[in-house]
Every structure is written in C-alpha cells, then in structure tokens.
PDBML (XML) file of the C-alpha atoms, coordinates in Angstrom:
<?xml version="1.0" encoding="UTF-8" ?>
<PDBx:datablock datablockName="MODEL"
   xmlns:PDBx="http://pdbml.pdb.org/schema/pdbx-v50.xsd"
   xmlns:xsi="http://www.w3.org/2001/XMLSchema-instance"
   xsi:schemaLocation="http://pdbml.pdb.org/schema/pdbx-v50.xsd pdbx-v50.xsd">
   <PDBx:atom_siteCategory>
      <PDBx:atom_site id="1">
         <PDBx:B_iso_or_equiv>0.00</PDBx:B_iso_or_equiv>
         <PDBx:Cartn_x>18.867</PDBx:Cartn_x>
         <PDBx:Cartn_y>-138.050</PDBx:Cartn_y>
         <PDBx:Cartn_z>56.115</PDBx:Cartn_z>
         <PDBx:auth_asym_id>A</PDBx:auth_asym_id>
         <PDBx:auth_atom_id>CA</PDBx:auth_atom_id>
         <PDBx:auth_comp_id>GLU</PDBx:auth_comp_id>
         <PDBx:auth_seq_id>1</PDBx:auth_seq_id>
         <PDBx:group_PDB>ATOM</PDBx:group_PDB>
         <PDBx:label_alt_id xsi:nil="true" />
         <PDBx:label_asym_id>A</PDBx:label_asym_id>
         <PDBx:label_atom_id>CA</PDBx:label_atom_id>
         <PDBx:label_comp_id>GLU</PDBx:label_comp_id>
         <PDBx:label_entity_id>1</PDBx:label_entity_id>
         <PDBx:label_seq_id>1</PDBx:label_seq_id>
         <PDBx:occupancy>1.00</PDBx:occupancy>
         <PDBx:pdbx_PDB_model_num>1</PDBx:pdbx_PDB_model_num>
         <PDBx:type_symbol>C</PDBx:type_symbol>
      </PDBx:atom_site>
      <PDBx:atom_site id="2">
         <PDBx:B_iso_or_equiv>0.00</PDBx:B_iso_or_equiv>
         <PDBx:Cartn_x>20.601</PDBx:Cartn_x>
         <PDBx:Cartn_y>-138.297</PDBx:Cartn_y>
         <PDBx:Cartn_z>52.726</PDBx:Cartn_z>
         <PDBx:auth_asym_id>A</PDBx:auth_asym_id>
         <PDBx:auth_atom_id>CA</PDBx:auth_atom_id>
         <PDBx:auth_comp_id>ALA</PDBx:auth_comp_id>
         <PDBx:auth_seq_id>2</PDBx:auth_seq_id>
         <PDBx:group_PDB>ATOM</PDBx:group_PDB>
         <PDBx:label_alt_id xsi:nil="true" />
         <PDBx:label_asym_id>A</PDBx:label_asym_id>
         <PDBx:label_atom_id>CA</PDBx:label_atom_id>
         <PDBx:label_comp_id>ALA</PDBx:label_comp_id>
         <PDBx:label_entity_id>1</PDBx:label_entity_id>
         <PDBx:label_seq_id>2</PDBx:label_seq_id>
         <PDBx:occupancy>1.00</PDBx:occupancy>
         <PDBx:pdbx_PDB_model_num>1</PDBx:pdbx_PDB_model_num>
         <PDBx:type_symbol>C</PDBx:type_symbol>
      </PDBx:atom_site>
      <PDBx:atom_site id="3">
         <PDBx:B_iso_or_equiv>0.00</PDBx:B_iso_or_equiv>
         <PDBx:Cartn_x>17.609</PDBx:Cartn_x>
         <PDBx:Cartn_y>-136.626</PDBx:Cartn_y>
         <PDBx:Cartn_z>51.052</PDBx:Cartn_z>
         <PDBx:auth_asym_id>A</PDBx:auth_asym_id>
         <PDBx:auth_atom_id>CA</PDBx:auth_atom_id>
         <PDBx:auth_comp_id>VAL</PDBx:auth_comp_id>
         <PDBx:auth_seq_id>3</PDBx:auth_seq_id>
         <PDBx:group_PDB>ATOM</PDBx:group_PDB>
         <PDBx:label_alt_id xsi:nil="true" />
         <PDBx:label_asym_id>A</PDBx:label_asym_id>
         <PDBx:label_atom_id>CA</PDBx:label_atom_id>
         <PDBx:label_comp_id>VAL</PDBx:label_comp_id>
         <PDBx:label_entity_id>1</PDBx:label_entity_id>
         <PDBx:label_seq_id>3</PDBx:label_seq_id>
         <PDBx:occupancy>1.00</PDBx:occupancy>
         <PDBx:pdbx_PDB_model_num>1</PDBx:pdbx_PDB_model_num>
         <PDBx:type_symbol>C</PDBx:type_symbol>
      </PDBx:atom_site>
      <PDBx:atom_site id="4">
         <PDBx:B_iso_or_equiv>0.00</PDBx:B_iso_or_equiv>
         <PDBx:Cartn_x>17.555</PDBx:Cartn_x>
         <PDBx:Cartn_y>-133.825</PDBx:Cartn_y>
         <PDBx:Cartn_z>53.630</PDBx:Cartn_z>
         <PDBx:auth_asym_id>A</PDBx:auth_asym_id>
         <PDBx:auth_atom_id>CA</PDBx:auth_atom_id>
         <PDBx:auth_comp_id>ARG</PDBx:auth_comp_id>
         <PDBx:auth_seq_id>4</PDBx:auth_seq_id>
         <PDBx:group_PDB>ATOM</PDBx:group_PDB>
         <PDBx:label_alt_id xsi:nil="true" />
         <PDBx:label_asym_id>A</PDBx:label_asym_id>
         <PDBx:label_atom_id>CA</PDBx:label_atom_id>
         <PDBx:label_comp_id>ARG</PDBx:label_comp_id>
         <PDBx:label_entity_id>1</PDBx:label_entity_id>
         <PDBx:label_seq_id>4</PDBx:label_seq_id>
         <PDBx:occupancy>1.00</PDBx:occupancy>
         <PDBx:pdbx_PDB_model_num>1</PDBx:pdbx_PDB_model_num>
         <PDBx:type_symbol>C</PDBx:type_symbol>
      </PDBx:atom_site>
      <PDBx:atom_site id="5">
         <PDBx:B_iso_or_equiv>0.00</PDBx:B_iso_or_equiv>
         <PDBx:Cartn_x>21.315</PDBx:Cartn_x>
         <PDBx:Cartn_y>-133.320</PDBx:Cartn_y>
         <PDBx:Cartn_z>53.287</PDBx:Cartn_z>
         <PDBx:auth_asym_id>A</PDBx:auth_asym_id>
         <PDBx:auth_atom_id>CA</PDBx:auth_atom_id>
         <PDBx:auth_comp_id>HIS</PDBx:auth_comp_id>
         <PDBx:auth_seq_id>5</PDBx:auth_seq_id>
         <PDBx:group_PDB>ATOM</PDBx:group_PDB>
         <PDBx:label_alt_id xsi:nil="true" />
         <PDBx:label_asym_id>A</PDBx:label_asym_id>
         <PDBx:label_atom_id>CA</PDBx:label_atom_id>
         <PDBx:label_comp_id>HIS</PDBx:label_comp_id>
         <PDBx:label_entity_id>1</PDBx:label_entity_id>
         <PDBx:label_seq_id>5</PDBx:label_seq_id>
         <PDBx:occupancy>1.00</PDBx:occupancy>
         <PDBx:pdbx_PDB_model_num>1</PDBx:pdbx_PDB_model_num>
         <PDBx:type_symbol>C</PDBx:type_symbol>
      </PDBx:atom_site>
      <PDBx:atom_site id="6">
         <PDBx:B_iso_or_equiv>0.00</PDBx:B_iso_or_equiv>
         <PDBx:Cartn_x>21.024</PDBx:Cartn_x>
         <PDBx:Cartn_y>-133.021</PDBx:Cartn_y>
         <PDBx:Cartn_z>49.521</PDBx:Cartn_z>
         <PDBx:auth_asym_id>A</PDBx:auth_asym_id>
         <PDBx:auth_atom_id>CA</PDBx:auth_atom_id>
         <PDBx:auth_comp_id>PHE</PDBx:auth_comp_id>
         <PDBx:auth_seq_id>6</PDBx:auth_seq_id>
         <PDBx:group_PDB>ATOM</PDBx:group_PDB>
         <PDBx:label_alt_id xsi:nil="true" />
         <PDBx:label_asym_id>A</PDBx:label_asym_id>
         <PDBx:label_atom_id>CA</PDBx:label_atom_id>
         <PDBx:label_comp_id>PHE</PDBx:label_comp_id>
         <PDBx:label_entity_id>1</PDBx:label_entity_id>
         <PDBx:label_seq_id>6</PDBx:label_seq_id>
         <PDBx:occupancy>1.00</PDBx:occupancy>
         <PDBx:pdbx_PDB_model_num>1</PDBx:pdbx_PDB_model_num>
         <PDBx:type_symbol>C</PDBx:type_symbol>
      </PDBx:atom_site>
      <PDBx:atom_site id="7">
         <PDBx:B_iso_or_equiv>0.00</PDBx:B_iso_or_equiv>
         <PDBx:Cartn_x>18.136</PDBx:Cartn_x>
         <PDBx:Cartn_y>-130.555</PDBx:Cartn_y>
         <PDBx:Cartn_z>49.725</PDBx:Cartn_z>
         <PDBx:auth_asym_id>A</PDBx:auth_asym_id>
         <PDBx:auth_atom_id>CA</PDBx:auth_atom_id>
         <PDBx:auth_comp_id>VAL</PDBx:auth_comp_id>
         <PDBx:auth_seq_id>7</PDBx:auth_seq_id>
         <PDBx:group_PDB>ATOM</PDBx:group_PDB>
         <PDBx:label_alt_id xsi:nil="true" />
         <PDBx:label_asym_id>A</PDBx:label_asym_id>
         <PDBx:label_atom_id>CA</PDBx:label_atom_id>
         <PDBx:label_comp_id>VAL</PDBx:label_comp_id>
         <PDBx:label_entity_id>1</PDBx:label_entity_id>
         <PDBx:label_seq_id>7</PDBx:label_seq_id>
         <PDBx:occupancy>1.00</PDBx:occupancy>
         <PDBx:pdbx_PDB_model_num>1</PDBx:pdbx_PDB_model_num>
         <PDBx:type_symbol>C</PDBx:type_symbol>
      </PDBx:atom_site>
      <PDBx:atom_site id="8">
         <PDBx:B_iso_or_equiv>0.00</PDBx:B_iso_or_equiv>
         <PDBx:Cartn_x>20.149</PDBx:Cartn_x>
         <PDBx:Cartn_y>-128.322</PDBx:Cartn_y>
         <PDBx:Cartn_z>52.070</PDBx:Cartn_z>
         <PDBx:auth_asym_id>A</PDBx:auth_asym_id>
         <PDBx:auth_atom_id>CA</PDBx:auth_atom_id>
         <PDBx:auth_comp_id>ILE</PDBx:auth_comp_id>
         <PDBx:auth_seq_id>8</PDBx:auth_seq_id>
         <PDBx:group_PDB>ATOM</PDBx:group_PDB>
         <PDBx:label_alt_id xsi:nil="true" />
         <PDBx:label_asym_id>A</PDBx:label_asym_id>
         <PDBx:label_atom_id>CA</PDBx:label_atom_id>
         <PDBx:label_comp_id>ILE</PDBx:label_comp_id>
         <PDBx:label_entity_id>1</PDBx:label_entity_id>
         <PDBx:label_seq_id>8</PDBx:label_seq_id>
         <PDBx:occupancy>1.00</PDBx:occupancy>
         <PDBx:pdbx_PDB_model_num>1</PDBx:pdbx_PDB_model_num>
         <PDBx:type_symbol>C</PDBx:type_symbol>
      </PDBx:atom_site>
      <PDBx:atom_site id="9">
         <PDBx:B_iso_or_equiv>0.00</PDBx:B_iso_or_equiv>
         <PDBx:Cartn_x>23.156</PDBx:Cartn_x>
         <PDBx:Cartn_y>-128.327</PDBx:Cartn_y>
         <PDBx:Cartn_z>49.720</PDBx:Cartn_z>
         <PDBx:auth_asym_id>A</PDBx:auth_asym_id>
         <PDBx:auth_atom_id>CA</PDBx:auth_atom_id>
         <PDBx:auth_comp_id>ARG</PDBx:auth_comp_id>
         <PDBx:auth_seq_id>9</PDBx:auth_seq_id>
         <PDBx:group_PDB>ATOM</PDBx:group_PDB>
         <PDBx:label_alt_id xsi:nil="true" />
         <PDBx:label_asym_id>A</PDBx:label_asym_id>
         <PDBx:label_atom_id>CA</PDBx:label_atom_id>
         <PDBx:label_comp_id>ARG</PDBx:label_comp_id>
         <PDBx:label_entity_id>1</PDBx:label_entity_id>
         <PDBx:label_seq_id>9</PDBx:label_seq_id>
         <PDBx:occupancy>1.00</PDBx:occupancy>
         <PDBx:pdbx_PDB_model_num>1</PDBx:pdbx_PDB_model_num>
         <PDBx:type_symbol>C</PDBx:type_symbol>
      </PDBx:atom_site>
      <PDBx:atom_site id="10">
         <PDBx:B_iso_or_equiv>0.00</PDBx:B_iso_or_equiv>
         <PDBx:Cartn_x>21.042</PDBx:Cartn_x>
         <PDBx:Cartn_y>-127.707</PDBx:Cartn_y>
         <PDBx:Cartn_z>46.621</PDBx:Cartn_z>
         <PDBx:auth_asym_id>A</PDBx:auth_asym_id>
         <PDBx:auth_atom_id>CA</PDBx:auth_atom_id>
         <PDBx:auth_comp_id>ARG</PDBx:auth_comp_id>
         <PDBx:auth_seq_id>10</PDBx:auth_seq_id>
         <PDBx:group_PDB>ATOM</PDBx:group_PDB>
         <PDBx:label_alt_id xsi:nil="true" />
         <PDBx:label_asym_id>A</PDBx:label_asym_id>
         <PDBx:label_atom_id>CA</PDBx:label_atom_id>
         <PDBx:label_comp_id>ARG</PDBx:label_comp_id>
         <PDBx:label_entity_id>1</PDBx:label_entity_id>
         <PDBx:label_seq_id>10</PDBx:label_seq_id>
         <PDBx:occupancy>1.00</PDBx:occupancy>
         <PDBx:pdbx_PDB_model_num>1</PDBx:pdbx_PDB_model_num>
         <PDBx:type_symbol>C</PDBx:type_symbol>
      </PDBx:atom_site>
      <PDBx:atom_site id="11">
         <PDBx:B_iso_or_equiv>0.00</PDBx:B_iso_or_equiv>
         <PDBx:Cartn_x>19.133</PDBx:Cartn_x>
         <PDBx:Cartn_y>-124.913</PDBx:Cartn_y>
         <PDBx:Cartn_z>48.297</PDBx:Cartn_z>
         <PDBx:auth_asym_id>A</PDBx:auth_asym_id>
         <PDBx:auth_atom_id>CA</PDBx:auth_atom_id>
         <PDBx:auth_comp_id>TRP</PDBx:auth_comp_id>
         <PDBx:auth_seq_id>11</PDBx:auth_seq_id>
         <PDBx:group_PDB>ATOM</PDBx:group_PDB>
         <PDBx:label_alt_id xsi:nil="true" />
         <PDBx:label_asym_id>A</PDBx:label_asym_id>
         <PDBx:label_atom_id>CA</PDBx:label_atom_id>
         <PDBx:label_comp_id>TRP</PDBx:label_comp_id>
         <PDBx:label_entity_id>1</PDBx:label_entity_id>
         <PDBx:label_seq_id>11</PDBx:label_seq_id>
         <PDBx:occupancy>1.00</PDBx:occupancy>
         <PDBx:pdbx_PDB_model_num>1</PDBx:pdbx_PDB_model_num>
         <PDBx:type_symbol>C</PDBx:type_symbol>
      </PDBx:atom_site>
      <PDBx:atom_site id="12">
         <PDBx:B_iso_or_equiv>0.00</PDBx:B_iso_or_equiv>
         <PDBx:Cartn_x>22.383</PDBx:Cartn_x>
         <PDBx:Cartn_y>-123.197</PDBx:Cartn_y>
         <PDBx:Cartn_z>49.270</PDBx:Cartn_z>
         <PDBx:auth_asym_id>A</PDBx:auth_asym_id>
         <PDBx:auth_atom_id>CA</PDBx:auth_atom_id>
         <PDBx:auth_comp_id>LYS</PDBx:auth_comp_id>
         <PDBx:auth_seq_id>12</PDBx:auth_seq_id>
         <PDBx:group_PDB>ATOM</PDBx:group_PDB>
         <PDBx:label_alt_id xsi:nil="true" />
         <PDBx:label_asym_id>A</PDBx:label_asym_id>
         <PDBx:label_atom_id>CA</PDBx:label_atom_id>
         <PDBx:label_comp_id>LYS</PDBx:label_comp_id>
         <PDBx:label_entity_id>1</PDBx:label_entity_id>
         <PDBx:label_seq_id>12</PDBx:label_seq_id>
         <PDBx:occupancy>1.00</PDBx:occupancy>
         <PDBx:pdbx_PDB_model_num>1</PDBx:pdbx_PDB_model_num>
         <PDBx:type_symbol>C</PDBx:type_symbol>
      </PDBx:atom_site>
      <PDBx:atom_site id="13">
         <PDBx:B_iso_or_equiv>0.00</PDBx:B_iso_or_equiv>
         <PDBx:Cartn_x>23.812</PDBx:Cartn_x>
         <PDBx:Cartn_y>-123.733</PDBx:Cartn_y>
         <PDBx:Cartn_z>45.773</PDBx:Cartn_z>
         <PDBx:auth_asym_id>A</PDBx:auth_asym_id>
         <PDBx:auth_atom_id>CA</PDBx:auth_atom_id>
         <PDBx:auth_comp_id>PHE</PDBx:auth_comp_id>
         <PDBx:auth_seq_id>13</PDBx:auth_seq_id>
         <PDBx:group_PDB>ATOM</PDBx:group_PDB>
         <PDBx:label_alt_id xsi:nil="true" />
         <PDBx:label_asym_id>A</PDBx:label_asym_id>
         <PDBx:label_atom_id>CA</PDBx:label_atom_id>
         <PDBx:label_comp_id>PHE</PDBx:label_comp_id>
         <PDBx:label_entity_id>1</PDBx:label_entity_id>
         <PDBx:label_seq_id>13</PDBx:label_seq_id>
         <PDBx:occupancy>1.00</PDBx:occupancy>
         <PDBx:pdbx_PDB_model_num>1</PDBx:pdbx_PDB_model_num>
         <PDBx:type_symbol>C</PDBx:type_symbol>
      </PDBx:atom_site>
      <PDBx:atom_site id="14">
         <PDBx:B_iso_or_equiv>0.00</PDBx:B_iso_or_equiv>
         <PDBx:Cartn_x>20.890</PDBx:Cartn_x>
         <PDBx:Cartn_y>-122.094</PDBx:Cartn_y>
         <PDBx:Cartn_z>43.982</PDBx:Cartn_z>
         <PDBx:auth_asym_id>A</PDBx:auth_asym_id>
         <PDBx:auth_atom_id>CA</PDBx:auth_atom_id>
         <PDBx:auth_comp_id>TRP</PDBx:auth_comp_id>
         <PDBx:auth_seq_id>14</PDBx:auth_seq_id>
         <PDBx:group_PDB>ATOM</PDBx:group_PDB>
         <PDBx:label_alt_id xsi:nil="true" />
         <PDBx:label_asym_id>A</PDBx:label_asym_id>
         <PDBx:label_atom_id>CA</PDBx:label_atom_id>
         <PDBx:label_comp_id>TRP</PDBx:label_comp_id>
         <PDBx:label_entity_id>1</PDBx:label_entity_id>
         <PDBx:label_seq_id>14</PDBx:label_seq_id>
         <PDBx:occupancy>1.00</PDBx:occupancy>
         <PDBx:pdbx_PDB_model_num>1</PDBx:pdbx_PDB_model_num>
         <PDBx:type_symbol>C</PDBx:type_symbol>
      </PDBx:atom_site>
      <PDBx:atom_site id="15">
         <PDBx:B_iso_or_equiv>0.00</PDBx:B_iso_or_equiv>
         <PDBx:Cartn_x>20.428</PDBx:Cartn_x>
         <PDBx:Cartn_y>-119.302</PDBx:Cartn_y>
         <PDBx:Cartn_z>46.525</PDBx:Cartn_z>
         <PDBx:auth_asym_id>A</PDBx:auth_asym_id>
         <PDBx:auth_atom_id>CA</PDBx:auth_atom_id>
         <PDBx:auth_comp_id>LEU</PDBx:auth_comp_id>
         <PDBx:auth_seq_id>15</PDBx:auth_seq_id>
         <PDBx:group_PDB>ATOM</PDBx:group_PDB>
         <PDBx:label_alt_id xsi:nil="true" />
         <PDBx:label_asym_id>A</PDBx:label_asym_id>
         <PDBx:label_atom_id>CA</PDBx:label_atom_id>
         <PDBx:label_comp_id>LEU</PDBx:label_comp_id>
         <PDBx:label_entity_id>1</PDBx:label_entity_id>
         <PDBx:label_seq_id>15</PDBx:label_seq_id>
         <PDBx:occupancy>1.00</PDBx:occupancy>
         <PDBx:pdbx_PDB_model_num>1</PDBx:pdbx_PDB_model_num>
         <PDBx:type_symbol>C</PDBx:type_symbol>
      </PDBx:atom_site>
      <PDBx:atom_site id="16">
         <PDBx:B_iso_or_equiv>0.00</PDBx:B_iso_or_equiv>
         <PDBx:Cartn_x>24.060</PDBx:Cartn_x>
         <PDBx:Cartn_y>-118.426</PDBx:Cartn_y>
         <PDBx:Cartn_z>45.819</PDBx:Cartn_z>
         <PDBx:auth_asym_id>A</PDBx:auth_asym_id>
         <PDBx:auth_atom_id>CA</PDBx:auth_atom_id>
         <PDBx:auth_comp_id>SER</PDBx:auth_comp_id>
         <PDBx:auth_seq_id>16</PDBx:auth_seq_id>
         <PDBx:group_PDB>ATOM</PDBx:group_PDB>
         <PDBx:label_alt_id xsi:nil="true" />
         <PDBx:label_asym_id>A</PDBx:label_asym_id>
         <PDBx:label_atom_id>CA</PDBx:label_atom_id>
         <PDBx:label_comp_id>SER</PDBx:label_comp_id>
         <PDBx:label_entity_id>1</PDBx:label_entity_id>
         <PDBx:label_seq_id>16</PDBx:label_seq_id>
         <PDBx:occupancy>1.00</PDBx:occupancy>
         <PDBx:pdbx_PDB_model_num>1</PDBx:pdbx_PDB_model_num>
         <PDBx:type_symbol>C</PDBx:type_symbol>
      </PDBx:atom_site>
      <PDBx:atom_site id="17">
         <PDBx:B_iso_or_equiv>0.00</PDBx:B_iso_or_equiv>
         <PDBx:Cartn_x>23.102</PDBx:Cartn_x>
         <PDBx:Cartn_y>-117.897</PDBx:Cartn_y>
         <PDBx:Cartn_z>42.193</PDBx:Cartn_z>
         <PDBx:auth_asym_id>A</PDBx:auth_asym_id>
         <PDBx:auth_atom_id>CA</PDBx:auth_atom_id>
         <PDBx:auth_comp_id>ARG</PDBx:auth_comp_id>
         <PDBx:auth_seq_id>17</PDBx:auth_seq_id>
         <PDBx:group_PDB>ATOM</PDBx:group_PDB>
         <PDBx:label_alt_id xsi:nil="true" />
         <PDBx:label_asym_id>A</PDBx:label_asym_id>
         <PDBx:label_atom_id>CA</PDBx:label_atom_id>
         <PDBx:label_comp_id>ARG</PDBx:label_comp_id>
         <PDBx:label_entity_id>1</PDBx:label_entity_id>
         <PDBx:label_seq_id>17</PDBx:label_seq_id>
         <PDBx:occupancy>1.00</PDBx:occupancy>
         <PDBx:pdbx_PDB_model_num>1</PDBx:pdbx_PDB_model_num>
         <PDBx:type_symbol>C</PDBx:type_symbol>
      </PDBx:atom_site>
      <PDBx:atom_site id="18">
         <PDBx:B_iso_or_equiv>0.00</PDBx:B_iso_or_equiv>
         <PDBx:Cartn_x>20.361</PDBx:Cartn_x>
         <PDBx:Cartn_y>-115.379</PDBx:Cartn_y>
         <PDBx:Cartn_z>42.769</PDBx:Cartn_z>
         <PDBx:auth_asym_id>A</PDBx:auth_asym_id>
         <PDBx:auth_atom_id>CA</PDBx:auth_atom_id>
         <PDBx:auth_comp_id>ARG</PDBx:auth_comp_id>
         <PDBx:auth_seq_id>18</PDBx:auth_seq_id>
         <PDBx:group_PDB>ATOM</PDBx:group_PDB>
         <PDBx:label_alt_id xsi:nil="true" />
         <PDBx:label_asym_id>A</PDBx:label_asym_id>
         <PDBx:label_atom_id>CA</PDBx:label_atom_id>
         <PDBx:label_comp_id>ARG</PDBx:label_comp_id>
         <PDBx:label_entity_id>1</PDBx:label_entity_id>
         <PDBx:label_seq_id>18</PDBx:label_seq_id>
         <PDBx:occupancy>1.00</PDBx:occupancy>
         <PDBx:pdbx_PDB_model_num>1</PDBx:pdbx_PDB_model_num>
         <PDBx:type_symbol>C</PDBx:type_symbol>
      </PDBx:atom_site>
      <PDBx:atom_site id="19">
         <PDBx:B_iso_or_equiv>0.00</PDBx:B_iso_or_equiv>
         <PDBx:Cartn_x>22.874</PDBx:Cartn_x>
         <PDBx:Cartn_y>-112.728</PDBx:Cartn_y>
         <PDBx:Cartn_z>41.722</PDBx:Cartn_z>
         <PDBx:auth_asym_id>A</PDBx:auth_asym_id>
         <PDBx:auth_atom_id>CA</PDBx:auth_atom_id>
         <PDBx:auth_comp_id>SER</PDBx:auth_comp_id>
         <PDBx:auth_seq_id>19</PDBx:auth_seq_id>
         <PDBx:group_PDB>ATOM</PDBx:group_PDB>
         <PDBx:label_alt_id xsi:nil="true" />
         <PDBx:label_asym_id>A</PDBx:label_asym_id>
         <PDBx:label_atom_id>CA</PDBx:label_atom_id>
         <PDBx:label_comp_id>SER</PDBx:label_comp_id>
         <PDBx:label_entity_id>1</PDBx:label_entity_id>
         <PDBx:label_seq_id>19</PDBx:label_seq_id>
         <PDBx:occupancy>1.00</PDBx:occupancy>
         <PDBx:pdbx_PDB_model_num>1</PDBx:pdbx_PDB_model_num>
         <PDBx:type_symbol>C</PDBx:type_symbol>
      </PDBx:atom_site>
      <PDBx:atom_site id="20">
         <PDBx:B_iso_or_equiv>0.00</PDBx:B_iso_or_equiv>
         <PDBx:Cartn_x>26.389</PDBx:Cartn_x>
         <PDBx:Cartn_y>-112.343</PDBx:Cartn_y>
         <PDBx:Cartn_z>40.313</PDBx:Cartn_z>
         <PDBx:auth_asym_id>A</PDBx:auth_asym_id>
         <PDBx:auth_atom_id>CA</PDBx:auth_atom_id>
         <PDBx:auth_comp_id>HIS</PDBx:auth_comp_id>
         <PDBx:auth_seq_id>20</PDBx:auth_seq_id>
         <PDBx:group_PDB>ATOM</PDBx:group_PDB>
         <PDBx:label_alt_id xsi:nil="true" />
         <PDBx:label_asym_id>A</PDBx:label_asym_id>
         <PDBx:label_atom_id>CA</PDBx:label_atom_id>
         <PDBx:label_comp_id>HIS</PDBx:label_comp_id>
         <PDBx:label_entity_id>1</PDBx:label_entity_id>
         <PDBx:label_seq_id>20</PDBx:label_seq_id>
         <PDBx:occupancy>1.00</PDBx:occupancy>
         <PDBx:pdbx_PDB_model_num>1</PDBx:pdbx_PDB_model_num>
         <PDBx:type_symbol>C</PDBx:type_symbol>
      </PDBx:atom_site>
      <PDBx:atom_site id="21">
         <PDBx:B_iso_or_equiv>0.00</PDBx:B_iso_or_equiv>
         <PDBx:Cartn_x>27.842</PDBx:Cartn_x>
         <PDBx:Cartn_y>-112.030</PDBx:Cartn_y>
         <PDBx:Cartn_z>43.789</PDBx:Cartn_z>
         <PDBx:auth_asym_id>A</PDBx:auth_asym_id>
         <PDBx:auth_atom_id>CA</PDBx:auth_atom_id>
         <PDBx:auth_comp_id>LYS</PDBx:auth_comp_id>
         <PDBx:auth_seq_id>21</PDBx:auth_seq_id>
         <PDBx:group_PDB>ATOM</PDBx:group_PDB>
         <PDBx:label_alt_id xsi:nil="true" />
         <PDBx:label_asym_id>A</PDBx:label_asym_id>
         <PDBx:label_atom_id>CA</PDBx:label_atom_id>
         <PDBx:label_comp_id>LYS</PDBx:label_comp_id>
         <PDBx:label_entity_id>1</PDBx:label_entity_id>
         <PDBx:label_seq_id>21</PDBx:label_seq_id>
         <PDBx:occupancy>1.00</PDBx:occupancy>
         <PDBx:pdbx_PDB_model_num>1</PDBx:pdbx_PDB_model_num>
         <PDBx:type_symbol>C</PDBx:type_symbol>
      </PDBx:atom_site>
      <PDBx:atom_site id="22">
         <PDBx:B_iso_or_equiv>0.00</PDBx:B_iso_or_equiv>
         <PDBx:Cartn_x>30.020</PDBx:Cartn_x>
         <PDBx:Cartn_y>-114.724</PDBx:Cartn_y>
         <PDBx:Cartn_z>45.306</PDBx:Cartn_z>
         <PDBx:auth_asym_id>A</PDBx:auth_asym_id>
         <PDBx:auth_atom_id>CA</PDBx:auth_atom_id>
         <PDBx:auth_comp_id>SER</PDBx:auth_comp_id>
         <PDBx:auth_seq_id>22</PDBx:auth_seq_id>
         <PDBx:group_PDB>ATOM</PDBx:group_PDB>
         <PDBx:label_alt_id xsi:nil="true" />
         <PDBx:label_asym_id>A</PDBx:label_asym_id>
         <PDBx:label_atom_id>CA</PDBx:label_atom_id>
         <PDBx:label_comp_id>SER</PDBx:label_comp_id>
         <PDBx:label_entity_id>1</PDBx:label_entity_id>
         <PDBx:label_seq_id>22</PDBx:label_seq_id>
         <PDBx:occupancy>1.00</PDBx:occupancy>
         <PDBx:pdbx_PDB_model_num>1</PDBx:pdbx_PDB_model_num>
         <PDBx:type_symbol>C</PDBx:type_symbol>
      </PDBx:atom_site>
      <PDBx:atom_site id="23">
         <PDBx:B_iso_or_equiv>0.00</PDBx:B_iso_or_equiv>
         <PDBx:Cartn_x>28.504</PDBx:Cartn_x>
         <PDBx:Cartn_y>-117.858</PDBx:Cartn_y>
         <PDBx:Cartn_z>46.806</PDBx:Cartn_z>
         <PDBx:auth_asym_id>A</PDBx:auth_asym_id>
         <PDBx:auth_atom_id>CA</PDBx:auth_atom_id>
         <PDBx:auth_comp_id>ALA</PDBx:auth_comp_id>
         <PDBx:auth_seq_id>23</PDBx:auth_seq_id>
         <PDBx:group_PDB>ATOM</PDBx:group_PDB>
         <PDBx:label_alt_id xsi:nil="true" />
         <PDBx:label_asym_id>A</PDBx:label_asym_id>
         <PDBx:label_atom_id>CA</PDBx:label_atom_id>
         <PDBx:label_comp_id>ALA</PDBx:label_comp_id>
         <PDBx:label_entity_id>1</PDBx:label_entity_id>
         <PDBx:label_seq_id>23</PDBx:label_seq_id>
         <PDBx:occupancy>1.00</PDBx:occupancy>
         <PDBx:pdbx_PDB_model_num>1</PDBx:pdbx_PDB_model_num>
         <PDBx:type_symbol>C</PDBx:type_symbol>
      </PDBx:atom_site>
      <PDBx:atom_site id="24">
         <PDBx:B_iso_or_equiv>0.00</PDBx:B_iso_or_equiv>
         <PDBx:Cartn_x>26.840</PDBx:Cartn_x>
         <PDBx:Cartn_y>-117.674</PDBx:Cartn_y>
         <PDBx:Cartn_z>50.229</PDBx:Cartn_z>
         <PDBx:auth_asym_id>A</PDBx:auth_asym_id>
         <PDBx:auth_atom_id>CA</PDBx:auth_atom_id>
         <PDBx:auth_comp_id>ILE</PDBx:auth_comp_id>
         <PDBx:auth_seq_id>24</PDBx:auth_seq_id>
         <PDBx:group_PDB>ATOM</PDBx:group_PDB>
         <PDBx:label_alt_id xsi:nil="true" />
         <PDBx:label_asym_id>A</PDBx:label_asym_id>
         <PDBx:label_atom_id>CA</PDBx:label_atom_id>
         <PDBx:label_comp_id>ILE</PDBx:label_comp_id>
         <PDBx:label_entity_id>1</PDBx:label_entity_id>
         <PDBx:label_seq_id>24</PDBx:label_seq_id>
         <PDBx:occupancy>1.00</PDBx:occupancy>
         <PDBx:pdbx_PDB_model_num>1</PDBx:pdbx_PDB_model_num>
         <PDBx:type_symbol>C</PDBx:type_symbol>
      </PDBx:atom_site>
   </PDBx:atom_siteCategory>
</PDBx:datablock>
C-alpha cells in the first residue's frame, strides 16, 4: 500500500508539471 500511495503522489506531482500552470 505504501508503494501504491507513493506512485499516486508522484504521478500527480509530475502531471502537475506538464505545463507552467498551477498544480492539479
């Protein structure tokens, strides 16, 4: 569950940096 939790947070973090807009 810890691995899955981390993957979710990292995915959100890097999707938020696809552009210069604010975080998702």
